[in-house]
Amino acid sequence: MICDDWYVREIAANILEKIGWIPTDPVARSYYLIGRKGRDELVEVGPSAVSPLVQSLADGDWHIRKSVAQVLGEIRDASAIDPLIRAKGPEMP
């Protein structure tokens, strides 16, 4: 499960990097890259990144959801279609 606070994810990823942690499996790498906002690297991970990215579609910040949707679009995995359709858009004033 992904933390729902982008700032906490970012700090956790930065700390993991500082202590020299290197994710060895693609799913762990995906969670790490989500925290680091490693868009291009997430695309390179490919379909293994879809599940962690789909979880990020529930983020409270629409900017994060937008970035996640763009990455999922670049990965082009069919399993992301329904979650993308159901994803919440930006809040309207």
PDB file of N, CA and C in Angstrom:
ATOM      1  N   MET A   1       0.845  -1.185   0.000  1.00  0.00           N
ATOM      2  CA  MET A   1       0.000   0.000   0.000  1.00  0.00           C
ATOM      3  C   MET A   1       0.885   1.240   0.000  1.00  0.00           C
ATOM      4  N   ILE A   2       0.485   2.212  -0.748  1.00  0.00           N
ATOM      5  CA  ILE A   2       1.263   3.440  -0.874  1.00  0.00           C
ATOM      6  C   ILE A   2       0.780   4.477   0.140  1.00  0.00           C
ATOM      7  N   CYS A   3       1.709   5.211   0.690  1.00  0.00           N
ATOM      8  CA  CYS A   3       1.357   6.306   1.594  1.00  0.00           C
ATOM      9  C   CYS A   3       0.592   7.351   0.803  1.00  0.00           C
ATOM     10  N   ASP A   4      -0.469   7.908   1.390  1.00  0.00           N
ATOM     11  CA  ASP A   4      -1.297   8.854   0.635  1.00  0.00           C
ATOM     12  C   ASP A   4      -0.820  10.300   0.741  1.00  0.00           C
ATOM     13  N   ASP A   5       0.339  10.534   1.315  1.00  0.00           N
ATOM     14  CA  ASP A   5       0.880  11.880   1.431  1.00  0.00           C
ATOM     15  C   ASP A   5       2.155  11.967   0.578  1.00  0.00           C
ATOM     16  N   TRP A   6       2.099  12.741  -0.498  1.00  0.00           N
ATOM     17  CA  TRP A   6       3.232  12.807  -1.421  1.00  0.00           C
ATOM     18  C   TRP A   6       4.504  13.287  -0.748  1.00  0.00           C
ATOM     19  N   TYR A   7       4.363  14.178   0.221  1.00  0.00           N
ATOM     20  CA  TYR A   7       5.543  14.720   0.892  1.00  0.00           C
ATOM     21  C   TYR A   7       6.248  13.640   1.713  1.00  0.00           C
ATOM     22  N   VAL A   8       5.476  12.808   2.389  1.00  0.00           N
ATOM     23  CA  VAL A   8       6.056  11.702   3.161  1.00  0.00           C
ATOM     24  C   VAL A   8       6.748  10.719   2.217  1.00  0.00           C
ATOM     25  N   ARG A   9       6.110  10.423   1.081  1.00  0.00           N
ATOM     26  CA  ARG A   9       6.725   9.512   0.098  1.00  0.00           C
ATOM     27  C   ARG A   9       8.055  10.064  -0.396  1.00  0.00           C
ATOM     28  N   GLU A  10       8.074  11.369  -0.667  1.00  0.00           N
ATOM     29  CA  GLU A  10       9.295  11.991  -1.169  1.00  0.00           C
ATOM     30  C   GLU A  10      10.411  11.941  -0.126  1.00  0.00           C
ATOM     31  N   ILE A  11      10.094  12.261   1.104  1.00  0.00           N
ATOM     32  CA  ILE A  11      11.106  12.222   2.169  1.00  0.00           C
ATOM     33  C   ILE A  11      11.615  10.798   2.372  1.00  0.00           C
ATOM     34  N   ALA A  12      10.704   9.831   2.401  1.00  0.00           N
ATOM     35  CA  ALA A  12      11.107   8.430   2.580  1.00  0.00           C
ATOM     36  C   ALA A  12      12.041   7.988   1.457  1.00  0.00           C
ATOM     37  N   ALA A  13      11.719   8.338   0.224  1.00  0.00           N
ATOM     38  CA  ALA A  13      12.573   7.963  -0.909  1.00  0.00           C
ATOM     39  C   ALA A  13      13.944   8.624  -0.795  1.00  0.00           C
ATOM     40  N   ASN A  14      13.978   9.878  -0.381  1.00  0.00           N
ATOM     41  CA  ASN A  14      15.263  10.573  -0.217  1.00  0.00           C
ATOM     42  C   ASN A  14      16.110   9.934   0.874  1.00  0.00           C
ATOM     43  N   ILE A  15      15.476   9.536   1.971  1.00  0.00           N
ATOM     44  CA  ILE A  15      16.216   8.883   3.055  1.00  0.00           C
ATOM     45  C   ILE A  15      16.747   7.529   2.586  1.00  0.00           C
ATOM     46  N   LEU A  16      15.913   6.768   1.889  1.00  0.00           N
ATOM     47  CA  LEU A  16      16.369   5.474   1.369  1.00  0.00           C
ATOM     48  C   LEU A  16      17.573   5.651   0.450  1.00  0.00           C
ATOM     49  N   GLU A  17      17.531   6.680  -0.370  1.00  0.00           N
ATOM     50  CA  GLU A  17      18.666   6.951  -1.259  1.00  0.00           C
ATOM     51  C   GLU A  17      19.919   7.304  -0.448  1.00  0.00           C
ATOM     52  N   LYS A  18      19.752   8.127   0.578  1.00  0.00           N
ATOM     53  CA  LYS A  18      20.907   8.544   1.392  1.00  0.00           C
ATOM     54  C   LYS A  18      21.562   7.378   2.116  1.00  0.00           C
ATOM     55  N   ILE A  19      20.764   6.378   2.511  1.00  0.00           N
ATOM     56  CA  ILE A  19      21.370   5.237   3.211  1.00  0.00           C
ATOM     57  C   ILE A  19      21.856   4.162   2.238  1.00  0.00           C
ATOM     58  N   GLY A  20      21.711   4.446   0.950  1.00  0.00           N
ATOM     59  CA  GLY A  20      22.254   3.545  -0.060  1.00  0.00           C
ATOM     60  C   GLY A  20      21.362   2.383  -0.446  1.00  0.00           C
ATOM     61  N   TRP A  21      20.095   2.452  -0.085  1.00  0.00           N
ATOM     62  CA  TRP A  21      19.179   1.368  -0.426  1.00  0.00           C
ATOM     63  C   TRP A  21      18.934   1.353  -1.932  1.00  0.00           C
ATOM     64  N   ILE A  22      19.038   0.174  -2.499  1.00  0.00           N
ATOM     65  CA  ILE A  22      18.777   0.009  -3.926  1.00  0.00           C
ATOM     66  C   ILE A  22      17.689  -1.048  -4.069  1.00  0.00           C
ATOM     67  N   PRO A  23      16.527  -0.654  -4.603  1.00  0.00           N
ATOM     68  CA  PRO A  23      15.449  -1.629  -4.761  1.00  0.00           C
ATOM     69  C   PRO A  23      15.840  -2.703  -5.768  1.00  0.00           C
ATOM     70  N   THR A  24      15.561  -3.949  -5.403  1.00  0.00           N
ATOM     71  CA  THR A  24      15.977  -5.050  -6.268  1.00  0.00           C
ATOM     72  C   THR A  24      14.849  -5.628  -7.103  1.00  0.00           C
ATOM     73  N   ASP A  25      13.625  -5.391  -6.716  1.00  0.00           N
ATOM     74  CA  ASP A  25      12.531  -5.904  -7.546  1.00  0.00           C
ATOM     75  C   ASP A  25      11.779  -4.733  -8.171  1.00  0.00           C
ATOM     76  N   PRO A  26      11.146  -4.962  -9.324  1.00  0.00           N
ATOM     77  CA  PRO A  26      10.532  -3.861 -10.056  1.00  0.00           C
ATOM     78  C   PRO A  26       9.393  -3.162  -9.313  1.00  0.00           C
ATOM     79  N   VAL A  27       8.643  -3.893  -8.492  1.00  0.00           N
ATOM     80  CA  VAL A  27       7.540  -3.264  -7.759  1.00  0.00           C
ATOM     81  C   VAL A  27       8.097  -2.344  -6.678  1.00  0.00           C
ATOM     82  N   ALA A  28       9.088  -2.814  -5.920  1.00  0.00           N
ATOM     83  CA  ALA A  28       9.720  -1.969  -4.901  1.00  0.00           C
ATOM     84  C   ALA A  28      10.365  -0.755  -5.571  1.00  0.00           C
ATOM     85  N   ARG A  29      11.002  -0.977  -6.715  1.00  0.00           N
ATOM     86  CA  ARG A  29      11.606   0.145  -7.455  1.00  0.00           C
ATOM     87  C   ARG A  29      10.529   1.150  -7.869  1.00  0.00           C
ATOM     88  N   SER A  30       9.367   0.662  -8.246  1.00  0.00           N
ATOM     89  CA  SER A  30       8.268   1.541  -8.653  1.00  0.00           C
ATOM     90  C   SER A  30       7.814   2.425  -7.503  1.00  0.00           C
ATOM     91  N   TYR A  31       7.615   1.826  -6.326  1.00  0.00           N
ATOM     92  CA  TYR A  31       7.209   2.627  -5.156  1.00  0.00           C
ATOM     93  C   TYR A  31       8.272   3.687  -4.842  1.00  0.00           C
ATOM     94  N   TYR A  32       9.532   3.273  -4.906  1.00  0.00           N
ATOM     95  CA  TYR A  32      10.641   4.191  -4.658  1.00  0.00           C
ATOM     96  C   TYR A  32      10.632   5.334  -5.680  1.00  0.00           C
ATOM     97  N   LEU A  33      10.457   4.995  -6.948  1.00  0.00           N
ATOM     98  CA  LEU A  33      10.459   6.020  -7.996  1.00  0.00           C
ATOM     99  C   LEU A  33       9.249   6.934  -7.910  1.00  0.00           C
ATOM    100  N   ILE A  34       8.128   6.427  -7.440  1.00  0.00           N
ATOM    101  CA  ILE A  34       6.965   7.291  -7.224  1.00  0.00           C
ATOM    102  C   ILE A  34       7.314   8.366  -6.193  1.00  0.00           C
ATOM    103  N   GLY A  35       7.987   7.951  -5.129  1.00  0.00           N
ATOM    104  CA  GLY A  35       8.419   8.911  -4.113  1.00  0.00           C
ATOM    105  C   GLY A  35       9.428   9.909  -4.649  1.00  0.00           C
ATOM    106  N   ARG A  36      10.293   9.450  -5.535  1.00  0.00           N
ATOM    107  CA  ARG A  36      11.323  10.317  -6.114  1.00  0.00           C
ATOM    108  C   ARG A  36      10.805  11.119  -7.295  1.00  0.00           C
ATOM    109  N   LYS A  37       9.571  10.831  -7.709  1.00  0.00           N
ATOM    110  CA  LYS A  37       8.974  11.463  -8.895  1.00  0.00           C
ATOM    111  C   LYS A  37       9.831  11.184 -10.129  1.00  0.00           C
ATOM    112  N   GLY A  38      10.255   9.929 -10.222  1.00  0.00           N
ATOM    113  CA  GLY A  38      11.109   9.487 -11.324  1.00  0.00           C
ATOM    114  C   GLY A  38      10.291   9.035 -12.518  1.00  0.00           C
ATOM    115  N   ARG A  39       9.680   9.989 -13.171  1.00  0.00           N
ATOM    116  CA  ARG A  39       8.747   9.732 -14.271  1.00  0.00           C
ATOM    117  C   ARG A  39       9.356   8.857 -15.375  1.00  0.00           C
ATOM    118  N   ASP A  40      10.487   9.253 -15.917  1.00  0.00           N
ATOM    119  CA  ASP A  40      11.086   8.510 -17.027  1.00  0.00           C
ATOM    120  C   ASP A  40      11.493   7.102 -16.597  1.00  0.00           C
ATOM    121  N   GLU A  41      12.015   6.992 -15.383  1.00  0.00           N
ATOM    122  CA  GLU A  41      12.416   5.673 -14.885  1.00  0.00           C
ATOM    123  C   GLU A  41      11.201   4.768 -14.680  1.00  0.00           C
ATOM    124  N   LEU A  42      10.072   5.349 -14.239  1.00  0.00           N
ATOM    125  CA  LEU A  42       8.846   4.558 -14.084  1.00  0.00           C
ATOM    126  C   LEU A  42       8.375   4.014 -15.426  1.00  0.00           C
ATOM    127  N   VAL A  43       8.474   4.814 -16.465  1.00  0.00           N
ATOM    128  CA  VAL A  43       8.107   4.344 -17.802  1.00  0.00           C
ATOM    129  C   VAL A  43       9.010   3.178 -18.195  1.00  0.00           C
ATOM    130  N   GLU A  44      10.289   3.278 -17.870  1.00  0.00           N
ATOM    131  CA  GLU A  44      11.234   2.199 -18.174  1.00  0.00           C
ATOM    132  C   GLU A  44      10.905   0.920 -17.413  1.00  0.00           C
ATOM    133  N   VAL A  45      10.419   1.041 -16.177  1.00  0.00           N
ATOM    134  CA  VAL A  45      10.027  -0.151 -15.402  1.00  0.00           C
ATOM    135  C   VAL A  45       8.902  -0.876 -16.133  1.00  0.00           C
ATOM    136  N   GLY A  46       8.016  -0.114 -16.748  1.00  0.00           N
ATOM    137  CA  GLY A  46       6.953  -0.703 -17.560  1.00  0.00           C
ATOM    138  C   GLY A  46       5.808  -1.279 -16.758  1.00  0.00           C
ATOM    139  N   PRO A  47       5.223  -2.385 -17.223  1.00  0.00           N
ATOM    140  CA  PRO A  47       4.022  -2.951 -16.608  1.00  0.00           C
ATOM    141  C   PRO A  47       4.145  -3.267 -15.112  1.00  0.00           C
ATOM    142  N   SER A  48       5.330  -3.534 -14.621  1.00  0.00           N
ATOM    143  CA  SER A  48       5.498  -3.797 -13.184  1.00  0.00           C
ATOM    144  C   SER A  48       5.180  -2.572 -12.341  1.00  0.00           C
ATOM    145  N   ALA A  49       5.227  -1.400 -12.946  1.00  0.00           N
ATOM    146  CA  ALA A  49       4.944  -0.153 -12.224  1.00  0.00           C
ATOM    147  C   ALA A  49       3.457   0.178 -12.199  1.00  0.00           C
ATOM    148  N   VAL A  50       2.640  -0.530 -12.970  1.00  0.00           N
ATOM    149  CA  VAL A  50       1.232  -0.162 -13.114  1.00  0.00           C
ATOM    150  C   VAL A  50       0.478  -0.216 -11.790  1.00  0.00           C
ATOM    151  N   SER A  51       0.592  -1.294 -11.038  1.00  0.00           N
ATOM    152  CA  SER A  51      -0.162  -1.424  -9.783  1.00  0.00           C
ATOM    153  C   SER A  51       0.183  -0.310  -8.786  1.00  0.00           C
ATOM    154  N   PRO A  52       1.471  -0.044  -8.515  1.00  0.00           N
ATOM    155  CA  PRO A  52       1.788   1.070  -7.624  1.00  0.00           C
ATOM    156  C   PRO A  52       1.297   2.420  -8.165  1.00  0.00           C
ATOM    157  N   LEU A  53       1.381   2.608  -9.466  1.00  0.00           N
ATOM    158  CA  LEU A  53       0.910   3.864 -10.055  1.00  0.00           C
ATOM    159  C   LEU A  53      -0.604   3.994  -9.933  1.00  0.00           C
ATOM    160  N   VAL A  54      -1.323   2.908 -10.152  1.00  0.00           N
ATOM    161  CA  VAL A  54      -2.783   2.934 -10.021  1.00  0.00           C
ATOM    162  C   VAL A  54      -3.170   3.356  -8.605  1.00  0.00           C
ATOM    163  N   GLN A  55      -2.437   2.869  -7.604  1.00  0.00           N
ATOM    164  CA  GLN A  55      -2.707   3.288  -6.227  1.00  0.00           C
ATOM    165  C   GLN A  55      -2.519   4.791  -6.075  1.00  0.00           C
ATOM    166  N   SER A  56      -1.575   5.351  -6.796  1.00  0.00           N
ATOM    167  CA  SER A  56      -1.304   6.789  -6.710  1.00  0.00           C
ATOM    168  C   SER A  56      -2.377   7.634  -7.378  1.00  0.00           C
ATOM    169  N   LEU A  57      -3.251   7.010  -8.163  1.00  0.00           N
ATOM    170  CA  LEU A  57      -4.360   7.756  -8.767  1.00  0.00           C
ATOM    171  C   LEU A  57      -5.340   8.256  -7.709  1.00  0.00           C
ATOM    172  N   ALA A  58      -5.236   7.739  -6.493  1.00  0.00           N
ATOM    173  CA  ALA A  58      -6.109   8.180  -5.402  1.00  0.00           C
ATOM    174  C   ALA A  58      -5.488   9.317  -4.587  1.00  0.00           C
ATOM    175  N   ASP A  59      -4.316   9.792  -4.987  1.00  0.00           N
ATOM    176  CA  ASP A  59      -3.651  10.867  -4.256  1.00  0.00           C
ATOM    177  C   ASP A  59      -4.563  12.086  -4.164  1.00  0.00           C
ATOM    178  N   GLY A  60      -4.483  12.798  -3.069  1.00  0.00           N
ATOM    179  CA  GLY A  60      -5.307  13.988  -2.864  1.00  0.00           C
ATOM    180  C   GLY A  60      -4.910  15.170  -3.721  1.00  0.00           C
ATOM    181  N   ASP A  61      -3.717  15.158  -4.253  1.00  0.00           N
ATOM    182  CA  ASP A  61      -3.214  16.269  -5.073  1.00  0.00           C
ATOM    183  C   ASP A  61      -3.448  15.951  -6.548  1.00  0.00           C
ATOM    184  N   TRP A  62      -4.244  16.777  -7.213  1.00  0.00           N
ATOM    185  CA  TRP A  62      -4.563  16.479  -8.613  1.00  0.00           C
ATOM    186  C   TRP A  62      -3.346  16.581  -9.514  1.00  0.00           C
ATOM    187  N   HIS A  63      -2.334  17.341  -9.128  1.00  0.00           N
ATOM    188  CA  HIS A  63      -1.112  17.419  -9.927  1.00  0.00           C
ATOM    189  C   HIS A  63      -0.412  16.057  -9.953  1.00  0.00           C
ATOM    190  N   ILE A  64      -0.412  15.391  -8.794  1.00  0.00           N
ATOM    191  CA  ILE A  64       0.181  14.045  -8.715  1.00  0.00           C
ATOM    192  C   ILE A  64      -0.632  13.087  -9.581  1.00  0.00           C
ATOM    193  N   ARG A  65      -1.969  13.140  -9.446  1.00  0.00           N
ATOM    194  CA  ARG A  65      -2.826  12.245 -10.251  1.00  0.00           C
ATOM    195  C   ARG A  65      -2.594  12.473 -11.745  1.00  0.00           C
ATOM    196  N   LYS A  66      -2.426  13.732 -12.133  1.00  0.00           N
ATOM    197  CA  LYS A  66      -2.174  14.054 -13.546  1.00  0.00           C
ATOM    198  C   LYS A  66      -0.865  13.424 -14.018  1.00  0.00           C
ATOM    199  N   SER A  67       0.190  13.575 -13.232  1.00  0.00           N
ATOM    200  CA  SER A  67       1.488  13.002 -13.601  1.00  0.00           C
ATOM    201  C   SER A  67       1.419  11.480 -13.689  1.00  0.00           C
ATOM    202  N   VAL A  68       0.728  10.886 -12.718  1.00  0.00           N
ATOM    203  CA  VAL A  68       0.575   9.427 -12.712  1.00  0.00           C
ATOM    204  C   VAL A  68      -0.175   8.975 -13.961  1.00  0.00           C
ATOM    205  N   ALA A  69      -1.253   9.672 -14.304  1.00  0.00           N
ATOM    206  CA  ALA A  69      -2.027   9.321 -15.494  1.00  0.00           C
ATOM    207  C   ALA A  69      -1.159   9.418 -16.753  1.00  0.00           C
ATOM    208  N   GLN A  70      -0.314  10.429 -16.818  1.00  0.00           N
ATOM    209  CA  GLN A  70       0.568  10.578 -17.973  1.00  0.00           C
ATOM    210  C   GLN A  70       1.559   9.432 -18.065  1.00  0.00           C
ATOM    211  N   VAL A  71       2.133   9.046 -16.929  1.00  0.00           N
ATOM    212  CA  VAL A  71       3.078   7.921 -16.926  1.00  0.00           C
ATOM    213  C   VAL A  71       2.367   6.635 -17.338  1.00  0.00           C
ATOM    214  N   LEU A  72       1.172   6.407 -16.786  1.00  0.00           N
ATOM    215  CA  LEU A  72       0.418   5.211 -17.173  1.00  0.00           C
ATOM    216  C   LEU A  72       0.120   5.216 -18.670  1.00  0.00           C
ATOM    217  N   GLY A  73      -0.179   6.378 -19.221  1.00  0.00           N
ATOM    218  CA  GLY A  73      -0.410   6.476 -20.654  1.00  0.00           C
ATOM    219  C   GLY A  73       0.822   6.124 -21.467  1.00  0.00           C
ATOM    220  N   GLU A  74       1.982   6.500 -20.967  1.00  0.00           N
ATOM    221  CA  GLU A  74       3.228   6.172 -21.666  1.00  0.00           C
ATOM    222  C   GLU A  74       3.575   4.695 -21.548  1.00  0.00           C
ATOM    223  N   ILE A  75       3.200   4.073 -20.423  1.00  0.00           N
ATOM    224  CA  ILE A  75       3.465   2.641 -20.257  1.00  0.00           C
ATOM    225  C   ILE A  75       2.561   1.826 -21.177  1.00  0.00           C
ATOM    226  N   ARG A  76       1.331   2.309 -21.395  1.00  0.00           N
ATOM    227  CA  ARG A  76       0.393   1.701 -22.337  1.00  0.00           C
ATOM    228  C   ARG A  76       0.011   0.260 -21.969  1.00  0.00           C
ATOM    229  N   ASP A  77      -0.260   0.041 -20.695  1.00  0.00           N
ATOM    230  CA  ASP A  77      -0.700  -1.273 -20.242  1.00  0.00           C
ATOM    231  C   ASP A  77      -2.225  -1.262 -20.115  1.00  0.00           C
ATOM    232  N   ALA A  78      -2.884  -2.222 -20.721  1.00  0.00           N
ATOM    233  CA  ALA A  78      -4.353  -2.260 -20.743  1.00  0.00           C
ATOM    234  C   ALA A  78      -4.966  -2.349 -19.352  1.00  0.00           C
ATOM    235  N   SER A  79      -4.239  -2.885 -18.380  1.00  0.00           N
ATOM    236  CA  SER A  79      -4.805  -3.014 -17.033  1.00  0.00           C
ATOM    237  C   SER A  79      -5.009  -1.659 -16.353  1.00  0.00           C
ATOM    238  N   ALA A  80      -4.436  -0.607 -16.896  1.00  0.00           N
ATOM    239  CA  ALA A  80      -4.591   0.735 -16.319  1.00  0.00           C
ATOM    240  C   ALA A  80      -5.811   1.473 -16.864  1.00  0.00           C
ATOM    241  N   ILE A  81      -6.469   0.930 -17.876  1.00  0.00           N
ATOM    242  CA  ILE A  81      -7.559   1.652 -18.531  1.00  0.00           C
ATOM    243  C   ILE A  81      -8.715   1.940 -17.575  1.00  0.00           C
ATOM    244  N   ASP A  82      -9.263   0.912 -16.921  1.00  0.00           N
ATOM    245  CA  ASP A  82     -10.395   1.129 -16.007  1.00  0.00           C
ATOM    246  C   ASP A  82     -10.036   2.066 -14.850  1.00  0.00           C
ATOM    247  N   PRO A  83      -8.883   1.866 -14.179  1.00  0.00           N
ATOM    248  CA  PRO A  83      -8.531   2.821 -13.114  1.00  0.00           C
ATOM    249  C   PRO A  83      -8.385   4.260 -13.627  1.00  0.00           C
ATOM    250  N   LEU A  84      -7.880   4.424 -14.825  1.00  0.00           N
ATOM    251  CA  LEU A  84      -7.759   5.770 -15.384  1.00  0.00           C
ATOM    252  C   LEU A  84      -9.126   6.382 -15.644  1.00  0.00           C
ATOM    253  N   ILE A  85     -10.060   5.571 -16.121  1.00  0.00           N
ATOM    254  CA  ILE A  85     -11.416   6.068 -16.369  1.00  0.00           C
ATOM    255  C   ILE A  85     -12.070   6.516 -15.064  1.00  0.00           C
ATOM    256  N   ARG A  86     -11.830   5.764 -13.980  1.00  0.00           N
ATOM    257  CA  ARG A  86     -12.436   6.077 -12.687  1.00  0.00           C
ATOM    258  C   ARG A  86     -11.688   7.150 -11.901  1.00  0.00           C
ATOM    259  N   ALA A  87     -10.504   7.528 -12.361  1.00  0.00           N
ATOM    260  CA  ALA A  87      -9.685   8.490 -11.609  1.00  0.00           C
ATOM    261  C   ALA A  87     -10.400   9.825 -11.461  1.00  0.00           C
ATOM    262  N   LYS A  88     -10.184  10.418 -10.306  1.00  0.00           N
ATOM    263  CA  LYS A  88     -10.797  11.704  -9.981  1.00  0.00           C
ATOM    264  C   LYS A  88     -10.020  12.829 -10.664  1.00  0.00           C
ATOM    265  N   GLY A  89     -10.744  13.745 -11.274  1.00  0.00           N
ATOM    266  CA  GLY A  89     -10.139  14.907 -11.908  1.00  0.00           C
ATOM    267  C   GLY A  89      -9.797  15.982 -10.896  1.00  0.00           C
ATOM    268  N   PRO A  90      -9.341  17.146 -11.375  1.00  0.00           N
ATOM    269  CA  PRO A  90      -9.014  18.239 -10.452  1.00  0.00           C
ATOM    270  C   PRO A  90     -10.274  18.767  -9.760  1.00  0.00           C
ATOM    271  N   GLU A  91     -10.068  19.252  -8.553  1.00  0.00           N
ATOM    272  CA  GLU A  91     -11.179  19.837  -7.791  1.00  0.00           C
ATOM    273  C   GLU A  91     -11.561  21.162  -8.421  1.00  0.00           C
ATOM    274  N   MET A  92     -12.818  21.387  -8.517  1.00  0.00           N
ATOM    275  CA  MET A  92     -13.310  22.649  -9.081  1.00  0.00           C
ATOM    276  C   MET A  92     -13.743  23.572  -7.940  1.00  0.00           C
ATOM    277  N   PRO A  93     -13.431  24.859  -8.064  1.00  0.00           N
ATOM    278  CA  PRO A  93     -13.818  25.790  -7.004  1.00  0.00           C
ATOM    279  C   PRO A  93     -15.317  25.972  -6.926  1.00  0.00           C
TER     280      PRO A  93
END
